[in-house]
Amino acid sequence: MKNKIILGVTNLSFHQLTASIITHVLVDMGFEVERIYSPHQENFEKLKSGDIDMLTSAWLPSSHGIYKSDVEEKVELLELGLHYKPYALWGVPDYIPESAVSEVKDLLKPEVISRMNNTIQGINPGAGITRFSIKMMEIYGLNNAGYRFYTGSEEDCFDAFEQAVENKEWVIVPLWKPQFLHHKYNIREISEPEGLLGIVDRAVLLLRQDKSINFTPEQLETLDALKFSNEIIAALDYQVCREGKAIDEVTKQWLRQQS
């Protein structure tokens, strides 16, 4: 069906948020949109097989570049828009003095080890931040110092951080921008001089080249002109995840304000 678009969405809240915006735009163009939610790597496999037509949002080149390269062995992809400029980070609550912890190696100081929660709660295994964090645990000797990194769900990660902050604990959160926690909490990034957290990525919409014939040049230009920001996505995501608002209503209202 020419007017149906299957949109792959990485199953994390801020990706769902961006997908909701894209869906409104596509519906306004006259398309019927089906959203399919999958983990990071699985989404790219679906893009490669043709189970989905588009994917939002790919983080390139650091986080998802290896997955995109794999897809491109089979099919050409178009990159559209600049949804935001994401990057991975390790952060701590701002009540931890910078003089105590300003970079990753400071986590090895005996006085920091004695105070810091030794559990570092991450998200799912396919995420860039997870791959980067596991490497950091090894390279910096954090496993040997008694720290433990765990994968889990988004809520596992966010709840662990919010609970620790409520108790004024010293805690490390493997995170990224945009993310709604930054909208409420002052999370101080700690320096990672080895460059293991990747670089600032570009978050873009990926479209299979063989599906581009379903769009007019003007529609492709519209999709390519979509630009948001880390702050916009974090603020809208906060409304959904912590204020309980309906995602498609939040994004529809935001789009109305832009017009």
Protein backbone atom coordinates (compact mmCIF):
# COMPACT_ATOMS: atom_id res chain seq x y z
CA MET A 1 0.00 0.00 0.00
CA LYS A 2 1.70 3.19 -1.23
CA ASN A 3 0.30 5.48 1.45
CA LYS A 4 1.21 3.31 4.42
CA ILE A 5 4.52 3.88 6.22
CA ILE A 6 5.89 1.47 8.81
CA LEU A 7 8.00 3.47 11.21
CA GLY A 8 10.53 1.66 13.38
CA VAL A 9 10.95 3.16 16.85
CA THR A 10 13.64 2.28 19.34
CA ASN A 11 11.66 1.35 22.43
CA LEU A 12 12.88 4.08 24.77
CA SER A 13 10.80 7.06 25.84
CA PHE A 14 12.67 9.84 24.03
CA HIS A 15 12.72 7.81 20.79
CA GLN A 16 8.98 7.27 21.19
CA LEU A 17 8.62 11.03 21.66
CA THR A 18 10.46 11.86 18.43
CA ALA A 19 8.53 9.15 16.58
CA SER A 20 5.29 10.74 17.72
CA ILE A 21 6.34 14.07 16.19
CA ILE A 22 7.37 12.34 12.94
CA THR A 23 4.05 10.45 12.87
CA HIS A 24 2.04 13.68 13.05
CA VAL A 25 4.09 15.11 10.18
CA LEU A 26 3.61 11.99 8.04
CA VAL A 27 -0.13 11.84 8.78
CA ASP A 28 -0.45 15.49 7.74
CA MET A 29 1.19 14.46 4.44
CA GLY A 30 -1.56 11.90 3.93
CA PHE A 31 0.22 8.73 5.04
CA GLU A 32 -1.16 6.02 7.28
CA VAL A 33 1.56 5.33 9.86
CA GLU A 34 2.16 2.16 11.84
CA ARG A 35 4.73 2.41 14.62
CA ILE A 36 6.69 -0.72 15.53
CA TYR A 37 8.69 -0.62 18.78
CA SER A 38 11.87 -2.71 19.12
CA PRO A 39 15.26 -2.61 20.87
CA HIS A 40 18.10 -0.71 19.14
CA GLN A 41 19.80 -3.45 17.15
CA GLU A 42 16.58 -5.27 16.26
CA ASN A 43 15.21 -2.11 14.67
CA PHE A 44 18.14 -1.96 12.26
CA GLU A 45 17.66 -5.64 11.41
CA LYS A 46 14.02 -4.83 10.54
CA LEU A 47 15.16 -1.88 8.42
CA LYS A 48 17.54 -4.21 6.57
CA SER A 49 14.88 -6.88 5.98
CA GLY A 50 12.24 -4.36 4.91
CA ASP A 51 9.94 -5.06 7.85
CA ILE A 52 10.06 -1.31 8.50
CA ASP A 53 10.37 1.54 5.98
CA MET A 54 11.88 4.21 8.23
CA LEU A 55 13.68 4.36 11.57
CA THR A 56 13.70 7.16 14.11
CA SER A 57 16.09 8.20 15.42
CA ALA A 58 19.47 6.81 14.46
CA TRP A 59 22.42 8.21 16.42
CA LEU A 60 25.32 8.62 14.03
CA PRO A 61 28.16 7.94 13.83
CA SER A 62 29.02 6.72 17.37
CA SER A 63 26.09 4.88 18.90
CA HIS A 64 24.35 3.29 15.90
CA GLY A 65 26.93 3.60 13.12
CA ILE A 66 27.84 -0.09 13.27
CA TYR A 67 24.18 -1.06 12.86
CA LYS A 68 23.67 1.37 9.97
CA SER A 69 26.73 0.01 8.15
CA ASP A 70 25.30 -3.49 8.41
CA VAL A 71 21.99 -2.35 6.84
CA GLU A 72 23.84 -0.59 4.03
CA GLU A 73 25.46 -3.84 2.96
CA LYS A 74 22.01 -4.68 1.60
CA VAL A 75 20.11 -1.44 0.99
CA GLU A 76 20.91 2.25 0.59
CA LEU A 77 19.61 4.60 3.25
CA LEU A 78 18.66 8.26 3.21
CA GLU A 79 19.41 10.39 6.29
CA LEU A 80 16.76 13.04 6.93
CA GLY A 81 16.54 15.89 9.42
CA LEU A 82 18.51 16.63 12.55
CA HIS A 83 16.28 15.70 15.45
CA TYR A 84 18.83 16.65 18.09
CA LYS A 85 22.53 16.22 18.90
CA PRO A 86 22.72 13.31 21.33
CA TYR A 87 25.68 12.11 23.29
CA ALA A 88 26.42 9.56 25.98
CA LEU A 89 27.71 10.58 29.40
CA TRP A 90 28.40 9.41 32.91
CA GLY A 91 26.96 11.79 35.45
CA VAL A 92 26.64 12.32 39.18
CA PRO A 93 24.18 14.42 41.21
CA ASP A 94 25.44 17.98 41.63
CA TYR A 95 25.68 17.62 45.42
CA ILE A 96 28.79 15.46 44.95
CA PRO A 97 31.68 17.97 45.07
CA GLU A 98 33.57 18.42 41.83
CA SER A 99 36.75 18.40 43.91
CA ALA A 100 35.94 14.79 44.84
CA VAL A 101 34.71 13.51 41.47
CA SER A 102 35.43 15.42 38.27
CA GLU A 103 36.53 12.58 35.98
CA VAL A 104 36.11 8.82 35.77
CA LYS A 105 39.46 7.94 37.34
CA ASP A 106 38.40 9.84 40.50
CA LEU A 107 36.02 6.94 41.15
CA LEU A 108 39.09 4.94 42.13
CA LYS A 109 40.04 7.26 45.02
CA PRO A 110 39.68 5.34 48.31
CA GLU A 111 37.61 8.15 49.85
CA VAL A 112 35.24 8.08 46.86
CA ILE A 113 34.96 4.27 46.82
CA SER A 114 33.97 4.37 50.49
CA ARG A 115 31.06 6.75 49.78
CA MET A 116 29.92 5.90 46.24
CA ASN A 117 27.14 3.41 45.56
CA ASN A 118 29.04 0.62 43.78
CA THR A 119 26.07 -0.31 41.56
CA ILE A 120 26.01 1.41 38.17
CA GLN A 121 22.57 0.72 36.71
CA GLY A 122 22.36 0.90 32.94
CA ILE A 123 19.73 0.22 30.29
CA ASN A 124 19.44 -2.50 27.63
CA PRO A 125 22.49 -4.30 26.17
CA GLY A 126 22.17 -2.93 22.59
CA ALA A 127 22.36 0.73 23.60
CA GLY A 128 25.50 2.71 22.80
CA ILE A 129 25.77 3.93 26.40
CA THR A 130 25.73 0.31 27.56
CA ARG A 131 28.48 -0.80 25.16
CA PHE A 132 30.57 2.23 26.08
CA SER A 133 30.03 1.76 29.83
CA ILE A 134 31.03 -1.92 29.82
CA LYS A 135 34.27 -0.94 28.08
CA MET A 136 34.88 1.83 30.62
CA MET A 137 34.42 -0.58 33.53
CA GLU A 138 37.22 -2.67 32.09
CA ILE A 139 39.63 0.06 30.88
CA TYR A 140 39.45 2.11 34.09
CA GLY A 141 39.67 -0.91 36.40
CA LEU A 142 36.31 -0.16 37.99
CA ASN A 143 35.34 -3.84 38.18
CA ASN A 144 38.51 -4.52 40.19
CA ALA A 145 37.66 -1.61 42.49
CA GLY A 146 34.33 -3.22 43.39
CA TYR A 147 31.96 -1.35 41.07
CA ARG A 148 29.37 -3.38 39.15
CA PHE A 149 27.57 -2.39 35.95
CA TYR A 150 24.12 -3.88 35.35
CA THR A 151 21.91 -3.78 32.27
CA GLY A 152 18.16 -3.38 32.69
CA SER A 153 15.17 -1.36 31.57
CA GLU A 154 14.96 2.42 31.26
CA GLU A 155 12.96 2.56 34.47
CA ASP A 156 15.54 0.41 36.30
CA CYS A 157 18.14 3.02 35.45
CA PHE A 158 16.04 6.11 36.16
CA ASP A 159 14.44 4.76 39.34
CA ALA A 160 17.86 3.81 40.75
CA PHE A 161 19.09 7.36 40.16
CA GLU A 162 15.99 9.08 41.56
CA GLN A 163 15.95 6.84 44.63
CA ALA A 164 19.63 7.57 45.28
CA VAL A 165 19.06 11.32 44.94
CA GLU A 166 16.11 11.16 47.31
CA ASN A 167 18.44 9.56 49.87
CA LYS A 168 21.30 11.99 49.00
CA GLU A 169 23.50 9.02 48.10
CA TRP A 170 26.60 9.31 45.98
CA VAL A 171 25.71 7.56 42.74
CA ILE A 172 26.87 7.29 39.12
CA VAL A 173 24.31 7.30 36.32
CA PRO A 174 25.21 6.16 32.77
CA LEU A 175 23.02 8.49 30.78
CA TRP A 176 22.73 10.57 27.63
CA LYS A 177 21.26 13.77 26.32
CA PRO A 178 18.43 14.28 25.54
CA GLN A 179 16.86 12.60 28.57
CA PHE A 180 14.05 13.83 30.81
CA LEU A 181 16.04 13.51 34.07
CA HIS A 182 18.08 16.53 32.99
CA HIS A 183 14.85 18.55 32.93
CA LYS A 184 14.40 18.08 36.69
CA TYR A 185 17.82 17.29 38.15
CA ASN A 186 21.19 18.99 37.94
CA ILE A 187 23.31 16.10 36.74
CA ARG A 188 26.99 16.95 36.45
CA GLU A 189 28.84 15.20 33.66
CA ILE A 190 32.15 13.69 34.67
CA SER A 191 35.07 13.86 32.28
CA GLU A 192 36.11 10.74 30.35
CA PRO A 193 39.50 11.56 28.75
CA GLU A 194 39.91 8.23 26.92
CA GLY A 195 37.04 9.05 24.54
CA LEU A 196 35.23 5.79 25.29
CA LEU A 197 31.82 7.49 25.39
CA GLY A 198 31.94 8.36 21.71
CA ILE A 199 31.36 11.81 20.27
CA VAL A 200 28.36 14.09 19.90
CA ASP A 201 26.13 12.27 17.43
CA ARG A 202 23.50 13.40 14.95
CA ALA A 203 20.03 11.97 15.55
CA VAL A 204 18.40 11.46 12.16
CA LEU A 205 15.49 9.77 10.45
CA LEU A 206 16.58 6.86 8.24
CA LEU A 207 14.56 5.98 5.15
CA ARG A 208 15.21 3.00 2.90
CA GLN A 209 16.16 4.38 -0.51
CA ASP A 210 13.80 1.93 -2.23
CA LYS A 211 10.89 3.42 -0.22
CA SER A 212 11.72 7.02 -1.11
CA ILE A 213 9.61 6.71 -4.28
CA ASN A 214 6.54 6.90 -2.02
CA PHE A 215 7.43 10.52 -1.23
CA THR A 216 7.42 13.64 -3.36
CA PRO A 217 10.62 15.74 -3.38
CA GLU A 218 8.76 18.37 -1.34
CA GLN A 219 7.78 15.80 1.31
CA LEU A 220 11.39 14.63 1.59
CA GLU A 221 12.46 18.26 1.98
CA THR A 222 9.92 18.71 4.79
CA LEU A 223 11.24 15.64 6.62
CA ASP A 224 14.81 16.81 6.09
CA ALA A 225 13.97 20.23 7.52
CA LEU A 226 12.75 18.81 10.85
CA LYS A 227 15.08 20.04 13.57
CA PHE A 228 14.51 19.82 17.31
CA SER A 229 17.03 19.99 20.18
CA ASN A 230 18.17 18.07 23.24
CA GLU A 231 16.31 20.54 25.48
CA ILE A 232 13.03 20.32 23.55
CA ILE A 233 13.01 16.51 23.55
CA ALA A 234 13.94 16.33 27.26
CA ALA A 235 11.18 18.78 28.23
CA LEU A 236 8.49 17.01 26.19
CA ASP A 237 9.68 13.60 27.40
CA TYR A 238 9.40 14.82 31.02
CA GLN A 239 5.74 15.75 30.42
CA VAL A 240 5.04 12.20 29.25
CA CYS A 241 7.19 10.18 31.65
CA ARG A 242 6.79 12.13 34.86
CA GLU A 243 3.66 14.23 34.42
CA GLY A 244 1.67 11.38 32.87
CA LYS A 245 0.49 13.25 29.79
CA ALA A 246 -0.48 11.40 26.59
CA ILE A 247 2.48 11.33 24.22
CA ASP A 248 0.61 12.10 20.99
CA GLU A 249 -1.22 15.00 22.63
CA VAL A 250 2.03 16.47 24.00
CA THR A 251 3.69 16.36 20.59
CA LYS A 252 0.60 17.60 18.73
CA GLN A 253 0.38 20.61 21.05
CA TRP A 254 4.09 21.34 20.59
CA LEU A 255 3.78 21.18 16.80
CA ARG A 256 0.80 23.56 16.91
CA GLN A 257 2.93 26.04 18.83
CA GLN A 258 5.60 25.89 16.11
CA SER A 259 3.23 26.69 13.26
